[in-house]
Amino acid sequence: MSDRKIRMLEDKYLRDSARALLEADIQHLKTDLVQKSIGTRIIDRAKEGAIDLYEEAIDVAEDNKGALAALVAAIVVWFARNPILSIFGFGPEAEEEEEGDGWDLRDEPAEHFGR
């Protein structure tokens, strides 16, 4: 046989084996999809990702307890800022008391027109 014919037969066998592998992969995918739908796979992958994220967050929190405590304290102080400011006289109630010493301009026109 000539070199060209040997090369052609080798290429044909290589092509046929690649095609057989591809068909086997497609068959595996089909049987795999029959067992689990794509939606179920997406949900499972999302659950696995959430579990991994949760475990990573726990590890980081354990390593940085001081920073986590400071963050929680900052959040608590932020939500309690109005009562804290009113204790020191800087809250919204203190501003209303200061404004209450002056005239109430909304009632003035009603007095002029007898209402």
PDB file of N, CA and C in Angstrom:
ATOM      1  N   MET A   1       0.837  -1.171   0.000  1.00  0.00           N
ATOM      2  CA  MET A   1       0.000   0.000   0.000  1.00  0.00           C
ATOM      3  C   MET A   1       0.890   1.244   0.000  1.00  0.00           C
ATOM      4  N   SER A   2       0.323   2.237  -0.596  1.00  0.00           N
ATOM      5  CA  SER A   2       1.081   3.478  -0.665  1.00  0.00           C
ATOM      6  C   SER A   2       0.916   4.262   0.642  1.00  0.00           C
ATOM      7  N   ASP A   3       1.769   5.232   0.805  1.00  0.00           N
ATOM      8  CA  ASP A   3       1.732   6.084   1.991  1.00  0.00           C
ATOM      9  C   ASP A   3       0.401   6.819   2.123  1.00  0.00           C
ATOM     10  N   ARG A   4      -0.099   7.282   0.985  1.00  0.00           N
ATOM     11  CA  ARG A   4      -1.364   8.026   1.009  1.00  0.00           C
ATOM     12  C   ARG A   4      -2.522   7.136   1.449  1.00  0.00           C
ATOM     13  N   LYS A   5      -2.548   5.938   0.969  1.00  0.00           N
ATOM     14  CA  LYS A   5      -3.644   5.034   1.315  1.00  0.00           C
ATOM     15  C   LYS A   5      -3.576   4.655   2.798  1.00  0.00           C
ATOM     16  N   ILE A   6      -2.373   4.426   3.317  1.00  0.00           N
ATOM     17  CA  ILE A   6      -2.211   4.115   4.739  1.00  0.00           C
ATOM     18  C   ILE A   6      -2.661   5.311   5.587  1.00  0.00           C
ATOM     19  N   ARG A   7      -2.261   6.485   5.174  1.00  0.00           N
ATOM     20  CA  ARG A   7      -2.646   7.707   5.897  1.00  0.00           C
ATOM     21  C   ARG A   7      -4.171   7.897   5.879  1.00  0.00           C
ATOM     22  N   MET A   8      -4.801   7.619   4.734  1.00  0.00           N
ATOM     23  CA  MET A   8      -6.245   7.753   4.613  1.00  0.00           C
ATOM     24  C   MET A   8      -6.962   6.750   5.521  1.00  0.00           C
ATOM     25  N   LEU A   9      -6.489   5.533   5.582  1.00  0.00           N
ATOM     26  CA  LEU A   9      -7.106   4.526   6.451  1.00  0.00           C
ATOM     27  C   LEU A   9      -6.934   4.897   7.932  1.00  0.00           C
ATOM     28  N   GLU A  10      -5.764   5.389   8.300  1.00  0.00           N
ATOM     29  CA  GLU A  10      -5.544   5.829   9.681  1.00  0.00           C
ATOM     30  C   GLU A  10      -6.504   6.966  10.050  1.00  0.00           C
ATOM     31  N   ASP A  11      -6.651   7.933   9.129  1.00  0.00           N
ATOM     32  CA  ASP A  11      -7.575   9.045   9.378  1.00  0.00           C
ATOM     33  C   ASP A  11      -9.014   8.555   9.487  1.00  0.00           C
ATOM     34  N   LYS A  12      -9.390   7.592   8.655  1.00  0.00           N
ATOM     35  CA  LYS A  12     -10.750   7.046   8.698  1.00  0.00           C
ATOM     36  C   LYS A  12     -10.997   6.352  10.036  1.00  0.00           C
ATOM     37  N   TYR A  13     -10.050   5.559  10.515  1.00  0.00           N
ATOM     38  CA  TYR A  13     -10.214   4.870  11.808  1.00  0.00           C
ATOM     39  C   TYR A  13     -10.286   5.887  12.956  1.00  0.00           C
ATOM     40  N   LEU A  14      -9.456   6.915  12.856  1.00  0.00           N
ATOM     41  CA  LEU A  14      -9.473   7.964  13.874  1.00  0.00           C
ATOM     42  C   LEU A  14     -10.817   8.699  13.875  1.00  0.00           C
ATOM     43  N   ARG A  15     -11.341   9.009  12.686  1.00  0.00           N
ATOM     44  CA  ARG A  15     -12.639   9.663  12.579  1.00  0.00           C
ATOM     45  C   ARG A  15     -13.750   8.774  13.123  1.00  0.00           C
ATOM     46  N   ASP A  16     -13.708   7.504  12.798  1.00  0.00           N
ATOM     47  CA  ASP A  16     -14.743   6.580  13.265  1.00  0.00           C
ATOM     48  C   ASP A  16     -14.705   6.414  14.785  1.00  0.00           C
ATOM     49  N   SER A  17     -13.510   6.380  15.360  1.00  0.00           N
ATOM     50  CA  SER A  17     -13.415   6.246  16.818  1.00  0.00           C
ATOM     51  C   SER A  17     -13.890   7.528  17.514  1.00  0.00           C
ATOM     52  N   ALA A  18     -13.588   8.688  16.933  1.00  0.00           N
ATOM     53  CA  ALA A  18     -14.059   9.947  17.504  1.00  0.00           C
ATOM     54  C   ALA A  18     -15.583  10.026  17.429  1.00  0.00           C
ATOM     55  N   ARG A  19     -16.147   9.558  16.318  1.00  0.00           N
ATOM     56  CA  ARG A  19     -17.607   9.551  16.175  1.00  0.00           C
ATOM     57  C   ARG A  19     -18.245   8.608  17.184  1.00  0.00           C
ATOM     58  N   ALA A  20     -17.646   7.457  17.415  1.00  0.00           N
ATOM     59  CA  ALA A  20     -18.172   6.501  18.395  1.00  0.00           C
ATOM     60  C   ALA A  20     -18.142   7.102  19.797  1.00  0.00           C
ATOM     61  N   LEU A  21     -17.060   7.801  20.128  1.00  0.00           N
ATOM     62  CA  LEU A  21     -16.983   8.468  21.432  1.00  0.00           C
ATOM     63  C   LEU A  21     -18.060   9.538  21.575  1.00  0.00           C
ATOM     64  N   LEU A  22     -18.278  10.327  20.525  1.00  0.00           N
ATOM     65  CA  LEU A  22     -19.294  11.365  20.559  1.00  0.00           C
ATOM     66  C   LEU A  22     -20.692  10.763  20.734  1.00  0.00           C
ATOM     67  N   GLU A  23     -20.977   9.707  19.998  1.00  0.00           N
ATOM     68  CA  GLU A  23     -22.285   9.054  20.124  1.00  0.00           C
ATOM     69  C   GLU A  23     -22.473   8.457  21.516  1.00  0.00           C
ATOM     70  N   ALA A  24     -21.403   7.916  22.100  1.00  0.00           N
ATOM     71  CA  ALA A  24     -21.489   7.375  23.460  1.00  0.00           C
ATOM     72  C   ALA A  24     -21.750   8.492  24.468  1.00  0.00           C
ATOM     73  N   ASP A  25     -21.079   9.642  24.275  1.00  0.00           N
ATOM     74  CA  ASP A  25     -21.321  10.790  25.162  1.00  0.00           C
ATOM     75  C   ASP A  25     -22.760  11.272  25.056  1.00  0.00           C
ATOM     76  N   ILE A  26     -23.282  11.347  23.855  1.00  0.00           N
ATOM     77  CA  ILE A  26     -24.671  11.770  23.670  1.00  0.00           C
ATOM     78  C   ILE A  26     -25.621  10.792  24.344  1.00  0.00           C
ATOM     79  N   GLN A  27     -25.352   9.512  24.213  1.00  0.00           N
ATOM     80  CA  GLN A  27     -26.200   8.498  24.856  1.00  0.00           C
ATOM     81  C   GLN A  27     -26.143   8.626  26.377  1.00  0.00           C
ATOM     82  N   HIS A  28     -24.958   8.886  26.926  1.00  0.00           N
ATOM     83  CA  HIS A  28     -24.835   9.085  28.373  1.00  0.00           C
ATOM     84  C   HIS A  28     -25.630  10.304  28.827  1.00  0.00           C
ATOM     85  N   LEU A  29     -25.553  11.389  28.063  1.00  0.00           N
ATOM     86  CA  LEU A  29     -26.315  12.589  28.400  1.00  0.00           C
ATOM     87  C   LEU A  29     -27.816  12.328  28.368  1.00  0.00           C
ATOM     88  N   LYS A  30     -28.272  11.588  27.375  1.00  0.00           N
ATOM     89  CA  LYS A  30     -29.700  11.276  27.280  1.00  0.00           C
ATOM     90  C   LYS A  30     -30.170  10.461  28.474  1.00  0.00           C
ATOM     91  N   THR A  31     -29.416   9.437  28.842  1.00  0.00           N
ATOM     92  CA  THR A  31     -29.820   8.622  29.992  1.00  0.00           C
ATOM     93  C   THR A  31     -29.708   9.416  31.292  1.00  0.00           C
ATOM     94  N   ASP A  32     -28.739  10.292  31.352  1.00  0.00           N
ATOM     95  CA  ASP A  32     -28.566  11.129  32.539  1.00  0.00           C
ATOM     96  C   ASP A  32     -29.724  12.115  32.684  1.00  0.00           C
ATOM     97  N   LEU A  33     -30.183  12.694  31.565  1.00  0.00           N
ATOM     98  CA  LEU A  33     -31.305  13.626  31.602  1.00  0.00           C
ATOM     99  C   LEU A  33     -32.617  12.922  31.939  1.00  0.00           C
ATOM    100  N   VAL A  34     -32.728  11.660  31.597  1.00  0.00           N
ATOM    101  CA  VAL A  34     -33.930  10.910  31.958  1.00  0.00           C
ATOM    102  C   VAL A  34     -33.984  10.740  33.475  1.00  0.00           C
ATOM    103  N   GLN A  35     -32.832  10.538  34.092  1.00  0.00           N
ATOM    104  CA  GLN A  35     -32.785  10.355  35.544  1.00  0.00           C
ATOM    105  C   GLN A  35     -33.029  11.661  36.282  1.00  0.00           C
ATOM    106  N   LYS A  36     -32.449  12.762  35.814  1.00  0.00           N
ATOM    107  CA  LYS A  36     -32.583  14.072  36.461  1.00  0.00           C
ATOM    108  C   LYS A  36     -32.835  15.118  35.391  1.00  0.00           C
ATOM    109  N   SER A  37     -33.873  15.931  35.591  1.00  0.00           N
ATOM    110  CA  SER A  37     -34.169  16.976  34.612  1.00  0.00           C
ATOM    111  C   SER A  37     -33.192  18.146  34.778  1.00  0.00           C
ATOM    112  N   ILE A  38     -33.211  19.028  33.802  1.00  0.00           N
ATOM    113  CA  ILE A  38     -32.309  20.177  33.841  1.00  0.00           C
ATOM    114  C   ILE A  38     -32.674  21.089  35.011  1.00  0.00           C
ATOM    115  N   GLY A  39     -33.973  21.285  35.260  1.00  0.00           N
ATOM    116  CA  GLY A  39     -34.406  22.119  36.380  1.00  0.00           C
ATOM    117  C   GLY A  39     -33.927  21.586  37.713  1.00  0.00           C
ATOM    118  N   THR A  40     -34.013  20.275  37.882  1.00  0.00           N
ATOM    119  CA  THR A  40     -33.531  19.656  39.120  1.00  0.00           C
ATOM    120  C   THR A  40     -32.032  19.842  39.263  1.00  0.00           C
ATOM    121  N   ARG A  41     -31.320  19.731  38.157  1.00  0.00           N
ATOM    122  CA  ARG A  41     -29.869  19.933  38.200  1.00  0.00           C
ATOM    123  C   ARG A  41     -29.521  21.369  38.593  1.00  0.00           C
ATOM    124  N   ILE A  42     -30.261  22.336  38.055  1.00  0.00           N
ATOM    125  CA  ILE A  42     -30.005  23.747  38.383  1.00  0.00           C
ATOM    126  C   ILE A  42     -30.257  23.990  39.864  1.00  0.00           C
ATOM    127  N   ILE A  43     -31.353  23.447  40.377  1.00  0.00           N
ATOM    128  CA  ILE A  43     -31.671  23.614  41.800  1.00  0.00           C
ATOM    129  C   ILE A  43     -30.603  22.966  42.666  1.00  0.00           C
ATOM    130  N   ASP A  44     -30.175  21.774  42.295  1.00  0.00           N
ATOM    131  CA  ASP A  44     -29.121  21.087  43.067  1.00  0.00           C
ATOM    132  C   ASP A  44     -27.828  21.880  43.053  1.00  0.00           C
ATOM    133  N   ARG A  45     -27.470  22.412  41.900  1.00  0.00           N
ATOM    134  CA  ARG A  45     -26.226  23.187  41.812  1.00  0.00           C
ATOM    135  C   ARG A  45     -26.332  24.469  42.629  1.00  0.00           C
ATOM    136  N   ALA A  46     -27.506  25.109  42.617  1.00  0.00           N
ATOM    137  CA  ALA A  46     -27.700  26.325  43.414  1.00  0.00           C
ATOM    138  C   ALA A  46     -27.618  26.007  44.902  1.00  0.00           C
ATOM    139  N   LYS A  47     -28.201  24.883  45.313  1.00  0.00           N
ATOM    140  CA  LYS A  47     -28.121  24.480  46.723  1.00  0.00           C
ATOM    141  C   LYS A  47     -26.673  24.227  47.135  1.00  0.00           C
ATOM    142  N   GLU A  48     -25.940  23.538  46.278  1.00  0.00           N
ATOM    143  CA  GLU A  48     -24.531  23.265  46.589  1.00  0.00           C
ATOM    144  C   GLU A  48     -23.743  24.566  46.699  1.00  0.00           C
ATOM    145  N   GLY A  49     -24.010  25.510  45.792  1.00  0.00           N
ATOM    146  CA  GLY A  49     -23.324  26.802  45.842  1.00  0.00           C
ATOM    147  C   GLY A  49     -23.674  27.573  47.104  1.00  0.00           C
ATOM    148  N   ALA A  50     -24.946  27.518  47.510  1.00  0.00           N
ATOM    149  CA  ALA A  50     -25.357  28.225  48.724  1.00  0.00           C
ATOM    150  C   ALA A  50     -24.712  27.601  49.953  1.00  0.00           C
ATOM    151  N   ILE A  51     -24.635  26.291  49.975  1.00  0.00           N
ATOM    152  CA  ILE A  51     -24.000  25.603  51.111  1.00  0.00           C
ATOM    153  C   ILE A  51     -22.518  25.966  51.176  1.00  0.00           C
ATOM    154  N   ASP A  52     -21.853  25.978  50.022  1.00  0.00           N
ATOM    155  CA  ASP A  52     -20.434  26.358  49.992  1.00  0.00           C
ATOM    156  C   ASP A  52     -20.238  27.798  50.462  1.00  0.00           C
ATOM    157  N   LEU A  53     -21.115  28.692  50.020  1.00  0.00           N
ATOM    158  CA  LEU A  53     -21.027  30.097  50.431  1.00  0.00           C
ATOM    159  C   LEU A  53     -21.249  30.234  51.935  1.00  0.00           C
ATOM    160  N   TYR A  54     -22.221  29.508  52.470  1.00  0.00           N
ATOM    161  CA  TYR A  54     -22.494  29.542  53.910  1.00  0.00           C
ATOM    162  C   TYR A  54     -21.290  29.042  54.702  1.00  0.00           C
ATOM    163  N   GLU A  55     -20.697  27.932  54.254  1.00  0.00           N
ATOM    164  CA  GLU A  55     -19.526  27.392  54.957  1.00  0.00           C
ATOM    165  C   GLU A  55     -18.357  28.373  54.898  1.00  0.00           C
ATOM    166  N   GLU A  56     -18.176  29.028  53.773  1.00  0.00           N
ATOM    167  CA  GLU A  56     -17.101  30.012  53.651  1.00  0.00           C
ATOM    168  C   GLU A  56     -17.354  31.199  54.573  1.00  0.00           C
ATOM    169  N   ALA A  57     -18.610  31.640  54.666  1.00  0.00           N
ATOM    170  CA  ALA A  57     -18.953  32.754  55.552  1.00  0.00           C
ATOM    171  C   ALA A  57     -18.699  32.385  57.006  1.00  0.00           C
ATOM    172  N   ILE A  58     -19.022  31.161  57.382  1.00  0.00           N
ATOM    173  CA  ILE A  58     -18.769  30.704  58.756  1.00  0.00           C
ATOM    174  C   ILE A  58     -17.270  30.704  59.039  1.00  0.00           C
ATOM    175  N   ASP A  59     -16.477  30.221  58.085  1.00  0.00           N
ATOM    176  CA  ASP A  59     -15.024  30.202  58.276  1.00  0.00           C
ATOM    177  C   ASP A  59     -14.468  31.615  58.431  1.00  0.00           C
ATOM    178  N   VAL A  60     -14.920  32.535  57.606  1.00  0.00           N
ATOM    179  CA  VAL A  60     -14.435  33.917  57.689  1.00  0.00           C
ATOM    180  C   VAL A  60     -14.870  34.557  59.003  1.00  0.00           C
ATOM    181  N   ALA A  61     -16.116  34.280  59.412  1.00  0.00           N
ATOM    182  CA  ALA A  61     -16.619  34.851  60.667  1.00  0.00           C
ATOM    183  C   ALA A  61     -15.833  34.320  61.862  1.00  0.00           C
ATOM    184  N   GLU A  62     -15.482  33.040  61.826  1.00  0.00           N
ATOM    185  CA  GLU A  62     -14.695  32.475  62.927  1.00  0.00           C
ATOM    186  C   GLU A  62     -13.296  33.080  62.973  1.00  0.00           C
ATOM    187  N   ASP A  63     -12.741  33.381  61.808  1.00  0.00           N
ATOM    188  CA  ASP A  63     -11.401  33.956  61.760  1.00  0.00           C
ATOM    189  C   ASP A  63     -11.384  35.432  62.144  1.00  0.00           C
ATOM    190  N   ASN A  64     -12.500  36.127  61.979  1.00  0.00           N
ATOM    191  CA  ASN A  64     -12.553  37.574  62.212  1.00  0.00           C
ATOM    192  C   ASN A  64     -13.678  37.929  63.178  1.00  0.00           C
ATOM    193  N   LYS A  65     -13.652  37.375  64.355  1.00  0.00           N
ATOM    194  CA  LYS A  65     -14.731  37.617  65.323  1.00  0.00           C
ATOM    195  C   LYS A  65     -14.784  39.077  65.759  1.00  0.00           C
ATOM    196  N   GLY A  66     -13.640  39.724  65.918  1.00  0.00           N
ATOM    197  CA  GLY A  66     -13.603  41.122  66.336  1.00  0.00           C
ATOM    198  C   GLY A  66     -14.231  42.034  65.288  1.00  0.00           C
ATOM    199  N   ALA A  67     -13.893  41.815  64.027  1.00  0.00           N
ATOM    200  CA  ALA A  67     -14.455  42.634  62.951  1.00  0.00           C
ATOM    201  C   ALA A  67     -15.957  42.397  62.832  1.00  0.00           C
ATOM    202  N   LEU A  68     -16.373  41.172  63.014  1.00  0.00           N
ATOM    203  CA  LEU A  68     -17.803  40.854  62.951  1.00  0.00           C
ATOM    204  C   LEU A  68     -18.553  41.525  64.098  1.00  0.00           C
ATOM    205  N   ALA A  69     -17.977  41.509  65.294  1.00  0.00           N
ATOM    206  CA  ALA A  69     -18.612  42.169  66.442  1.00  0.00           C
ATOM    207  C   ALA A  69     -18.696  43.672  66.211  1.00  0.00           C
ATOM    208  N   ALA A  70     -17.658  44.271  65.642  1.00  0.00           N
ATOM    209  CA  ALA A  70     -17.678  45.708  65.354  1.00  0.00           C
ATOM    210  C   ALA A  70     -18.743  46.037  64.309  1.00  0.00           C
ATOM    211  N   LEU A  71     -18.896  45.195  63.321  1.00  0.00           N
ATOM    212  CA  LEU A  71     -19.911  45.405  62.297  1.00  0.00           C
ATOM    213  C   LEU A  71     -21.315  45.321  62.886  1.00  0.00           C
ATOM    214  N   VAL A  72     -21.564  44.330  63.717  1.00  0.00           N
ATOM    215  CA  VAL A  72     -22.877  44.187  64.356  1.00  0.00           C
ATOM    216  C   VAL A  72     -23.147  45.386  65.264  1.00  0.00           C
ATOM    217  N   ALA A  73     -22.146  45.816  66.014  1.00  0.00           N
ATOM    218  CA  ALA A  73     -22.323  46.983  66.886  1.00  0.00           C
ATOM    219  C   ALA A  73     -22.625  48.236  66.068  1.00  0.00           C
ATOM    220  N   ALA A  74     -21.962  48.412  64.940  1.00  0.00           N
ATOM    221  CA  ALA A  74     -22.211  49.571  64.090  1.00  0.00           C
ATOM    222  C   ALA A  74     -23.637  49.552  63.537  1.00  0.00           C
ATOM    223  N   ILE A  75     -24.120  48.380  63.175  1.00  0.00           N
ATOM    224  CA  ILE A  75     -25.491  48.273  62.671  1.00  0.00           C
ATOM    225  C   ILE A  75     -26.492  48.603  63.769  1.00  0.00           C
ATOM    226  N   VAL A  76     -26.252  48.102  64.982  1.00  0.00           N
ATOM    227  CA  VAL A  76     -27.157  48.389  66.105  1.00  0.00           C
ATOM    228  C   VAL A  76     -27.165  49.882  66.408  1.00  0.00           C
ATOM    229  N   VAL A  77     -26.007  50.497  66.422  1.00  0.00           N
ATOM    230  CA  VAL A  77     -25.926  51.936  66.708  1.00  0.00           C
ATOM    231  C   VAL A  77     -26.623  52.730  65.603  1.00  0.00           C
ATOM    232  N   TRP A  78     -26.495  52.305  64.366  1.00  0.00           N
ATOM    233  CA  TRP A  78     -27.148  53.010  63.268  1.00  0.00           C
ATOM    234  C   TRP A  78     -28.677  52.988  63.431  1.00  0.00           C
ATOM    235  N   PHE A  79     -29.233  51.833  63.755  1.00  0.00           N
ATOM    236  CA  PHE A  79     -30.678  51.756  63.913  1.00  0.00           C
ATOM    237  C   PHE A  79     -31.168  52.438  65.191  1.00  0.00           C
ATOM    238  N   ALA A  80     -30.292  52.577  66.181  1.00  0.00           N
ATOM    239  CA  ALA A  80     -30.677  53.237  67.434  1.00  0.00           C
ATOM    240  C   ALA A  80     -30.168  54.677  67.488  1.00  0.00           C
ATOM    241  N   ARG A  81     -29.825  55.264  66.360  1.00  0.00           N
ATOM    242  CA  ARG A  81     -29.213  56.590  66.356  1.00  0.00           C
ATOM    243  C   ARG A  81     -30.154  57.678  66.851  1.00  0.00           C
ATOM    244  N   ASN A  82     -31.428  57.628  66.498  1.00  0.00           N
ATOM    245  CA  ASN A  82     -32.348  58.684  66.924  1.00  0.00           C
ATOM    246  C   ASN A  82     -32.536  58.710  68.440  1.00  0.00           C
ATOM    247  N   PRO A  83     -32.779  57.571  69.102  1.00  0.00           N
ATOM    248  CA  PRO A  83     -32.873  57.630  70.563  1.00  0.00           C
ATOM    249  C   PRO A  83     -31.558  58.052  71.229  1.00  0.00           C
ATOM    250  N   ILE A  84     -30.450  57.617  70.668  1.00  0.00           N
ATOM    251  CA  ILE A  84     -29.148  57.993  71.241  1.00  0.00           C
ATOM    252  C   ILE A  84     -28.921  59.495  71.088  1.00  0.00           C
ATOM    253  N   LEU A  85     -29.223  60.043  69.926  1.00  0.00           N
ATOM    254  CA  LEU A  85     -29.047  61.480  69.709  1.00  0.00           C
ATOM    255  C   LEU A  85     -29.991  62.293  70.584  1.00  0.00           C
ATOM    256  N   SER A  86     -31.213  61.800  70.806  1.00  0.00           N
ATOM    257  CA  SER A  86     -32.150  62.548  71.651  1.00  0.00           C
ATOM    258  C   SER A  86     -31.699  62.561  73.106  1.00  0.00           C
ATOM    259  N   ILE A  87     -30.984  61.529  73.546  1.00  0.00           N
ATOM    260  CA  ILE A  87     -30.442  61.517  74.913  1.00  0.00           C
ATOM    261  C   ILE A  87     -29.456  62.661  75.090  1.00  0.00           C
ATOM    262  N   PHE A  88     -28.656  62.936  74.078  1.00  0.00           N
ATOM    263  CA  PHE A  88     -27.662  63.993  74.151  1.00  0.00           C
ATOM    264  C   PHE A  88     -28.199  65.345  73.688  1.00  0.00           C
ATOM    265  N   GLY A  89     -29.465  65.405  73.327  1.00  0.00           N
ATOM    266  CA  GLY A  89     -30.078  66.671  72.949  1.00  0.00           C
ATOM    267  C   GLY A  89     -29.895  67.037  71.494  1.00  0.00           C
ATOM    268  N   PHE A  90     -29.554  66.104  70.642  1.00  0.00           N
ATOM    269  CA  PHE A  90     -29.346  66.389  69.227  1.00  0.00           C
ATOM    270  C   PHE A  90     -30.405  65.744  68.347  1.00  0.00           C
ATOM    271  N   GLY A  91     -31.380  65.115  68.919  1.00  0.00           N
ATOM    272  CA  GLY A  91     -32.367  64.371  68.140  1.00  0.00           C
ATOM    273  C   GLY A  91     -33.415  65.255  67.511  1.00  0.00           C
ATOM    274  N   PRO A  92     -34.327  64.675  66.748  1.00  0.00           N
ATOM    275  CA  PRO A  92     -35.396  65.440  66.107  1.00  0.00           C
ATOM    276  C   PRO A  92     -36.331  66.094  67.121  1.00  0.00           C
ATOM    277  N   GLU A  93     -36.512  65.477  68.291  1.00  0.00           N
ATOM    278  CA  GLU A  93     -37.378  66.068  69.314  1.00  0.00           C
ATOM    279  C   GLU A  93     -36.790  67.377  69.825  1.00  0.00           C
ATOM    280  N   ALA A  94     -35.486  67.445  69.968  1.00  0.00           N
ATOM    281  CA  ALA A  94     -34.833  68.664  70.437  1.00  0.00           C
ATOM    282  C   ALA A  94     -35.003  69.781  69.416  1.00  0.00           C
ATOM    283  N   GLU A  95     -34.943  69.473  68.137  1.00  0.00           N
ATOM    284  CA  GLU A  95     -35.129  70.493  67.108  1.00  0.00           C
ATOM    285  C   GLU A  95     -36.564  70.999  67.109  1.00  0.00           C
ATOM    286  N   GLU A  96     -37.541  70.137  67.347  1.00  0.00           N
ATOM    287  CA  GLU A  96     -38.940  70.549  67.382  1.00  0.00           C
ATOM    288  C   GLU A  96     -39.208  71.450  68.578  1.00  0.00           C
ATOM    289  N   GLU A  97     -38.559  71.164  69.708  1.00  0.00           N
ATOM    290  CA  GLU A  97     -38.739  72.013  70.885  1.00  0.00           C
ATOM    291  C   GLU A  97     -38.187  73.410  70.632  1.00  0.00           C
ATOM    292  N   GLU A  98     -37.040  73.498  69.974  1.00  0.00           N
ATOM    293  CA  GLU A  98     -36.450  74.797  69.679  1.00  0.00           C
ATOM    294  C   GLU A  98     -37.330  75.580  68.718  1.00  0.00           C
ATOM    295  N   GLU A  99     -37.920  74.931  67.745  1.00  0.00           N
ATOM    296  CA  GLU A  99     -38.782  75.601  66.786  1.00  0.00           C
ATOM    297  C   GLU A  99     -40.112  75.978  67.427  1.00  0.00           C
ATOM    298  N   GLY A 100     -40.539  75.292  68.461  1.00  0.00           N
ATOM    299  CA  GLY A 100     -41.818  75.555  69.104  1.00  0.00           C
ATOM    300  C   GLY A 100     -41.840  76.874  69.865  1.00  0.00           C
ATOM    301  N   ASP A 101     -40.716  77.475  70.141  1.00  0.00           N
ATOM    302  CA  ASP A 101     -40.670  78.738  70.869  1.00  0.00           C
ATOM    303  C   ASP A 101     -41.135  79.913  70.017  1.00  0.00           C
ATOM    304  N   GLY A 102     -41.077  79.789  68.697  1.00  0.00           N
ATOM    305  CA  GLY A 102     -41.434  80.899  67.817  1.00  0.00           C
ATOM    306  C   GLY A 102     -42.916  80.908  67.476  1.00  0.00           C
ATOM    307  N   TRP A 103     -43.270  81.727  66.521  1.00  0.00           N
ATOM    308  CA  TRP A 103     -44.652  81.863  66.070  1.00  0.00           C
ATOM    309  C   TRP A 103     -45.027  80.695  65.176  1.00  0.00           C
ATOM    310  N   ASP A 104     -46.280  80.334  65.216  1.00  0.00           N
ATOM    311  CA  ASP A 104     -46.782  79.321  64.307  1.00  0.00           C
ATOM    312  C   ASP A 104     -47.471  80.053  63.168  1.00  0.00           C
ATOM    313  N   LEU A 105     -46.826  80.165  62.033  1.00  0.00           N
ATOM    314  CA  LEU A 105     -47.326  80.958  60.919  1.00  0.00           C
ATOM    315  C   LEU A 105     -48.538  80.328  60.242  1.00  0.00           C
ATOM    316  N   ARG A 106     -48.790  79.073  60.475  1.00  0.00           N
ATOM    317  CA  ARG A 106     -49.935  78.430  59.843  1.00  0.00           C
ATOM    318  C   ARG A 106     -51.246  78.889  60.471  1.00  0.00           C
ATOM    319  N   ASP A 107     -51.255  79.254  61.749  1.00  0.00           N
ATOM    320  CA  ASP A 107     -52.482  79.675  62.416  1.00  0.00           C
ATOM    321  C   ASP A 107     -52.791  81.146  62.218  1.00  0.00           C
ATOM    322  N   GLU A 108     -51.830  81.960  61.838  1.00  0.00           N
ATOM    323  CA  GLU A 108     -52.004  83.388  61.691  1.00  0.00           C
ATOM    324  C   GLU A 108     -53.067  83.774  60.663  1.00  0.00           C
ATOM    325  N   PRO A 109     -53.075  83.199  59.453  1.00  0.00           N
ATOM    326  CA  PRO A 109     -54.130  83.571  58.496  1.00  0.00           C
ATOM    327  C   PRO A 109     -55.508  83.152  58.984  1.00  0.00           C
ATOM    328  N   ALA A 110     -55.628  82.071  59.708  1.00  0.00           N
ATOM    329  CA  ALA A 110     -56.925  81.635  60.193  1.00  0.00           C
ATOM    330  C   ALA A 110     -57.487  82.637  61.200  1.00  0.00           C
ATOM    331  N   GLU A 111     -56.647  83.268  62.007  1.00  0.00           N
ATOM    332  CA  GLU A 111     -57.110  84.259  62.965  1.00  0.00           C
ATOM    333  C   GLU A 111     -57.590  85.532  62.264  1.00  0.00           C
ATOM    334  N   HIS A 112     -56.968  85.924  61.174  1.00  0.00           N
ATOM    335  CA  HIS A 112     -57.352  87.121  60.448  1.00  0.00           C
ATOM    336  C   HIS A 112     -58.709  87.004  59.775  1.00  0.00           C
ATOM    337  N   PHE A 113     -58.975  85.803  59.296  1.00  0.00           N
ATOM    338  CA  PHE A 113     -60.237  85.615  58.568  1.00  0.00           C
ATOM    339  C   PHE A 113     -61.338  85.056  59.440  1.00  0.00           C
ATOM    340  N   GLY A 114     -61.127  84.918  60.720  1.00  0.00           N
ATOM    341  CA  GLY A 114     -62.139  84.476  61.650  1.00  0.00           C
ATOM    342  C   GLY A 114     -62.472  82.997  61.552  1.00  0.00           C
ATOM    343  N   ARG A 115     -61.602  82.238  61.180  1.00  0.00           N
ATOM    344  CA  ARG A 115     -61.845  80.793  61.097  1.00  0.00           C
ATOM    345  C   ARG A 115     -61.384  80.087  62.302  1.00  0.00           C
TER     346      ARG A 115
END
